[in-house]
N, C-alpha and C. Protein backbone atom coordinates (compact mmCIF):
# COMPACT_ATOMS: atom_id res chain seq x y z
N MET A 1 37.34 88.23 -27.72
CA MET A 1 37.41 88.29 -26.28
C MET A 1 38.86 88.48 -25.87
N THR A 2 39.11 89.42 -25.01
CA THR A 2 40.47 89.68 -24.56
C THR A 2 40.83 88.76 -23.40
N GLU A 3 42.10 88.83 -23.03
CA GLU A 3 42.57 87.96 -21.95
C GLU A 3 41.89 88.24 -20.62
N GLU A 4 41.54 89.55 -20.36
CA GLU A 4 40.91 89.88 -19.08
C GLU A 4 39.50 89.30 -18.98
N GLN A 5 38.82 89.14 -20.11
CA GLN A 5 37.44 88.69 -20.09
C GLN A 5 37.32 87.17 -20.05
N LYS A 6 38.36 86.44 -20.42
CA LYS A 6 38.29 84.98 -20.42
C LYS A 6 38.29 84.47 -18.98
N PRO A 7 37.43 83.51 -18.69
CA PRO A 7 37.46 82.94 -17.33
C PRO A 7 38.70 82.10 -17.15
N GLU A 8 39.18 82.05 -15.92
CA GLU A 8 40.34 81.21 -15.63
C GLU A 8 39.93 79.75 -15.72
N LEU A 9 40.67 78.98 -16.50
CA LEU A 9 40.36 77.57 -16.68
C LEU A 9 41.45 76.74 -16.03
N THR A 10 41.03 75.65 -15.43
CA THR A 10 41.94 74.69 -14.84
C THR A 10 41.85 73.41 -15.65
N GLU A 11 43.01 72.88 -16.06
CA GLU A 11 43.03 71.66 -16.86
C GLU A 11 43.55 70.51 -16.02
N TYR A 12 42.92 69.36 -16.20
CA TYR A 12 43.34 68.13 -15.56
C TYR A 12 43.57 67.08 -16.64
N ALA A 13 44.40 66.10 -16.36
CA ALA A 13 44.65 64.98 -17.26
C ALA A 13 45.12 65.47 -18.62
N ASP A 14 46.11 66.33 -18.61
CA ASP A 14 46.70 66.87 -19.85
C ASP A 14 45.66 67.50 -20.76
N GLY A 15 44.69 68.19 -20.19
CA GLY A 15 43.71 68.91 -20.99
C GLY A 15 42.45 68.13 -21.34
N TRP A 16 42.35 66.88 -20.92
CA TRP A 16 41.15 66.09 -21.21
C TRP A 16 39.96 66.61 -20.42
N ILE A 17 40.21 67.15 -19.24
CA ILE A 17 39.16 67.70 -18.39
C ILE A 17 39.49 69.17 -18.14
N THR A 18 38.55 70.04 -18.44
CA THR A 18 38.74 71.47 -18.24
C THR A 18 37.56 72.00 -17.44
N GLU A 19 37.84 72.85 -16.46
CA GLU A 19 36.77 73.46 -15.69
C GLU A 19 37.13 74.90 -15.35
N ARG A 20 36.11 75.69 -15.12
CA ARG A 20 36.34 77.06 -14.68
C ARG A 20 36.83 77.04 -13.24
N LYS A 21 37.72 77.93 -12.92
CA LYS A 21 38.24 78.00 -11.57
C LYS A 21 37.12 78.36 -10.61
N GLY A 22 37.04 77.64 -9.50
CA GLY A 22 36.03 77.92 -8.50
C GLY A 22 34.72 77.18 -8.71
N THR A 23 34.65 76.31 -9.72
CA THR A 23 33.43 75.55 -9.96
C THR A 23 33.27 74.49 -8.89
N GLY A 24 32.10 74.40 -8.32
CA GLY A 24 31.83 73.41 -7.28
C GLY A 24 31.41 72.07 -7.86
N ILE A 25 31.32 71.09 -6.99
CA ILE A 25 30.86 69.76 -7.40
C ILE A 25 29.35 69.79 -7.50
N PRO A 26 28.77 69.32 -8.62
CA PRO A 26 27.31 69.35 -8.76
C PRO A 26 26.62 68.52 -7.68
N GLY A 27 25.42 68.95 -7.31
CA GLY A 27 24.67 68.28 -6.23
C GLY A 27 24.35 66.83 -6.52
N PHE A 28 24.04 66.51 -7.79
CA PHE A 28 23.70 65.12 -8.08
C PHE A 28 24.90 64.20 -7.90
N LEU A 29 26.11 64.71 -8.13
CA LEU A 29 27.30 63.89 -7.89
C LEU A 29 27.56 63.72 -6.40
N LYS A 30 27.24 64.75 -5.63
CA LYS A 30 27.39 64.64 -4.18
C LYS A 30 26.50 63.54 -3.63
N LEU A 31 25.37 63.31 -4.26
CA LEU A 31 24.47 62.23 -3.83
C LEU A 31 24.79 60.91 -4.51
N ALA A 32 25.19 60.97 -5.78
CA ALA A 32 25.39 59.74 -6.56
C ALA A 32 26.56 58.91 -6.06
N TYR A 33 27.69 59.54 -5.77
CA TYR A 33 28.87 58.79 -5.35
C TYR A 33 28.62 57.93 -4.11
N PRO A 34 28.10 58.48 -3.01
CA PRO A 34 27.89 57.63 -1.84
C PRO A 34 26.81 56.57 -2.07
N ILE A 35 25.78 56.89 -2.85
CA ILE A 35 24.72 55.91 -3.11
C ILE A 35 25.28 54.74 -3.91
N ILE A 36 26.08 55.02 -4.92
CA ILE A 36 26.68 53.95 -5.74
C ILE A 36 27.61 53.09 -4.89
N LEU A 37 28.43 53.72 -4.07
CA LEU A 37 29.35 52.95 -3.22
C LEU A 37 28.61 52.13 -2.18
N LEU A 38 27.53 52.68 -1.63
CA LEU A 38 26.73 51.92 -0.68
C LEU A 38 26.07 50.72 -1.36
N ALA A 39 25.58 50.92 -2.59
CA ALA A 39 24.98 49.81 -3.34
C ALA A 39 26.00 48.72 -3.61
N CYS A 40 27.24 49.09 -3.91
CA CYS A 40 28.30 48.10 -4.13
C CYS A 40 28.57 47.30 -2.86
N ALA A 41 28.63 47.99 -1.73
CA ALA A 41 28.88 47.30 -0.46
C ALA A 41 27.74 46.35 -0.11
N VAL A 42 26.50 46.78 -0.34
CA VAL A 42 25.35 45.91 -0.06
C VAL A 42 25.36 44.70 -0.99
N TYR A 43 25.68 44.91 -2.26
CA TYR A 43 25.76 43.79 -3.22
C TYR A 43 26.81 42.78 -2.77
N LEU A 44 27.97 43.27 -2.34
CA LEU A 44 29.02 42.36 -1.88
C LEU A 44 28.58 41.60 -0.63
N PHE A 45 27.84 42.25 0.24
CA PHE A 45 27.38 41.58 1.45
C PHE A 45 26.34 40.51 1.11
N VAL A 46 25.39 40.83 0.22
CA VAL A 46 24.32 39.89 -0.10
C VAL A 46 24.86 38.67 -0.85
N TYR A 47 25.78 38.91 -1.80
CA TYR A 47 26.31 37.82 -2.61
C TYR A 47 27.73 37.44 -2.20
N MET A 48 28.00 37.54 -0.90
CA MET A 48 29.33 37.26 -0.38
C MET A 48 29.81 35.85 -0.72
N ASN A 49 28.96 34.88 -0.61
CA ASN A 49 29.32 33.49 -0.87
C ASN A 49 28.65 32.94 -2.12
N GLY A 50 28.27 33.82 -3.03
CA GLY A 50 27.63 33.38 -4.26
C GLY A 50 26.12 33.40 -4.12
N GLU A 51 25.47 33.07 -5.21
CA GLU A 51 24.01 33.07 -5.24
C GLU A 51 23.51 31.68 -4.82
N ILE A 52 23.52 31.44 -3.52
CA ILE A 52 23.21 30.10 -3.00
C ILE A 52 21.72 29.80 -2.99
N THR A 53 20.87 30.81 -3.19
CA THR A 53 19.43 30.58 -3.17
C THR A 53 18.84 30.43 -4.57
N HIS A 54 19.67 30.43 -5.60
CA HIS A 54 19.18 30.31 -6.97
C HIS A 54 18.58 28.92 -7.17
N SER A 55 17.51 28.83 -7.95
CA SER A 55 16.77 27.57 -8.09
C SER A 55 17.57 26.49 -8.81
N THR A 56 18.37 26.84 -9.80
CA THR A 56 19.08 25.79 -10.56
C THR A 56 20.53 25.64 -10.15
N ARG A 57 21.25 26.73 -9.99
CA ARG A 57 22.67 26.59 -9.68
C ARG A 57 23.01 26.81 -8.22
N GLY A 58 22.01 27.04 -7.38
CA GLY A 58 22.25 27.28 -5.97
C GLY A 58 22.91 26.11 -5.27
N THR A 59 22.50 24.90 -5.61
CA THR A 59 23.11 23.73 -4.97
C THR A 59 24.57 23.56 -5.39
N LEU A 60 24.86 23.87 -6.65
CA LEU A 60 26.25 23.79 -7.11
C LEU A 60 27.13 24.81 -6.37
N VAL A 61 26.60 26.00 -6.17
CA VAL A 61 27.35 27.03 -5.45
C VAL A 61 27.55 26.60 -4.00
N GLN A 62 26.55 26.00 -3.39
CA GLN A 62 26.69 25.53 -2.01
C GLN A 62 27.73 24.42 -1.91
N GLU A 63 27.75 23.52 -2.89
CA GLU A 63 28.76 22.45 -2.88
C GLU A 63 30.16 23.02 -3.09
N LEU A 64 30.30 23.99 -3.98
CA LEU A 64 31.60 24.62 -4.19
C LEU A 64 32.07 25.32 -2.92
N ASN A 65 31.16 26.00 -2.24
CA ASN A 65 31.51 26.67 -0.98
C ASN A 65 31.93 25.66 0.08
N ALA A 66 31.27 24.50 0.10
CA ALA A 66 31.62 23.48 1.09
C ALA A 66 33.03 22.94 0.83
N VAL A 67 33.42 22.82 -0.43
CA VAL A 67 34.74 22.27 -0.76
C VAL A 67 35.83 23.33 -0.57
N THR A 68 35.58 24.54 -1.04
CA THR A 68 36.63 25.57 -1.04
C THR A 68 36.62 26.45 0.20
N GLY A 69 35.55 26.45 0.96
CA GLY A 69 35.45 27.33 2.12
C GLY A 69 34.82 28.65 1.71
N ASN A 70 34.59 29.49 2.68
CA ASN A 70 33.96 30.77 2.36
C ASN A 70 35.00 31.88 2.34
N ALA A 71 34.58 33.01 1.83
CA ALA A 71 35.47 34.15 1.71
C ALA A 71 35.01 35.30 2.60
N ASN A 72 34.38 34.97 3.70
CA ASN A 72 33.80 36.02 4.55
C ASN A 72 34.82 37.03 5.04
N THR A 73 35.96 36.58 5.53
CA THR A 73 36.96 37.50 6.08
C THR A 73 37.44 38.47 5.00
N PHE A 74 37.77 37.93 3.85
CA PHE A 74 38.24 38.78 2.75
C PHE A 74 37.17 39.78 2.33
N MET A 75 35.94 39.33 2.24
CA MET A 75 34.86 40.22 1.80
C MET A 75 34.58 41.30 2.85
N TYR A 76 34.71 40.96 4.13
CA TYR A 76 34.55 41.99 5.16
C TYR A 76 35.66 43.04 5.07
N VAL A 77 36.87 42.61 4.73
CA VAL A 77 37.97 43.57 4.54
C VAL A 77 37.67 44.48 3.35
N VAL A 78 37.17 43.91 2.26
CA VAL A 78 36.82 44.71 1.08
C VAL A 78 35.72 45.70 1.43
N MET A 79 34.71 45.27 2.17
CA MET A 79 33.63 46.18 2.57
C MET A 79 34.14 47.27 3.51
N ALA A 80 35.10 46.95 4.37
CA ALA A 80 35.69 47.97 5.24
C ALA A 80 36.47 48.99 4.42
N LEU A 81 37.15 48.54 3.38
CA LEU A 81 37.85 49.47 2.49
C LEU A 81 36.87 50.38 1.76
N ILE A 82 35.74 49.81 1.34
CA ILE A 82 34.70 50.62 0.69
C ILE A 82 34.17 51.66 1.67
N ALA A 83 33.93 51.26 2.92
CA ALA A 83 33.43 52.19 3.92
C ALA A 83 34.44 53.31 4.19
N ALA A 84 35.71 52.97 4.25
CA ALA A 84 36.74 53.99 4.45
C ALA A 84 36.78 54.94 3.26
N TYR A 85 36.63 54.40 2.06
CA TYR A 85 36.62 55.24 0.86
C TYR A 85 35.42 56.18 0.87
N VAL A 86 34.26 55.68 1.32
CA VAL A 86 33.07 56.52 1.40
C VAL A 86 33.31 57.69 2.36
N VAL A 87 33.94 57.43 3.49
CA VAL A 87 34.21 58.49 4.46
C VAL A 87 35.15 59.53 3.87
N VAL A 88 36.22 59.08 3.21
CA VAL A 88 37.16 60.01 2.58
C VAL A 88 36.48 60.79 1.46
N LEU A 89 35.68 60.11 0.66
CA LEU A 89 34.98 60.77 -0.45
C LEU A 89 34.02 61.82 0.06
N LEU A 90 33.24 61.49 1.09
CA LEU A 90 32.30 62.46 1.64
C LEU A 90 33.03 63.66 2.24
N ALA A 91 34.16 63.41 2.90
CA ALA A 91 34.94 64.53 3.44
C ALA A 91 35.43 65.43 2.32
N PHE A 92 35.85 64.85 1.21
CA PHE A 92 36.31 65.64 0.07
C PHE A 92 35.17 66.38 -0.61
N VAL A 93 34.05 65.70 -0.78
CA VAL A 93 32.92 66.30 -1.53
C VAL A 93 32.31 67.45 -0.75
N TYR A 94 32.16 67.32 0.54
CA TYR A 94 31.47 68.33 1.32
C TYR A 94 32.35 69.38 1.98
N LYS A 95 33.67 69.28 1.76
CA LYS A 95 34.52 70.34 2.33
C LYS A 95 34.43 71.59 1.46
N LYS A 96 34.76 72.68 2.05
CA LYS A 96 34.74 73.96 1.35
C LYS A 96 35.94 74.02 0.42
N SER A 97 35.71 74.41 -0.81
CA SER A 97 36.80 74.52 -1.79
C SER A 97 37.75 75.64 -1.40
N ASP A 98 39.04 75.41 -1.59
CA ASP A 98 40.02 76.43 -1.23
C ASP A 98 40.46 77.28 -2.41
N HIS A 99 39.88 77.06 -3.58
CA HIS A 99 40.21 77.92 -4.73
C HIS A 99 38.99 78.41 -5.44
């Protein structure tokens, strides 16, 4: 194969990742990234103060929360950061490629 026939390749991470120039993001990744991030945010919201409804260790978690306080403010900040990342990620994934 001569040089004219070879497709233009773009290398990332010192050659660990190689792709043809102009390759788009696969559709399953366009769906997977936001779904995974949304699942992480929901998990953080549900278990924000620990698993307090568990049959055996739920009372211990409730007692620990009573002594140490809750982490609601911090967890809301983390969830807001996840939401901001989702917005940036979706803007990047769905924008038109410039190369």
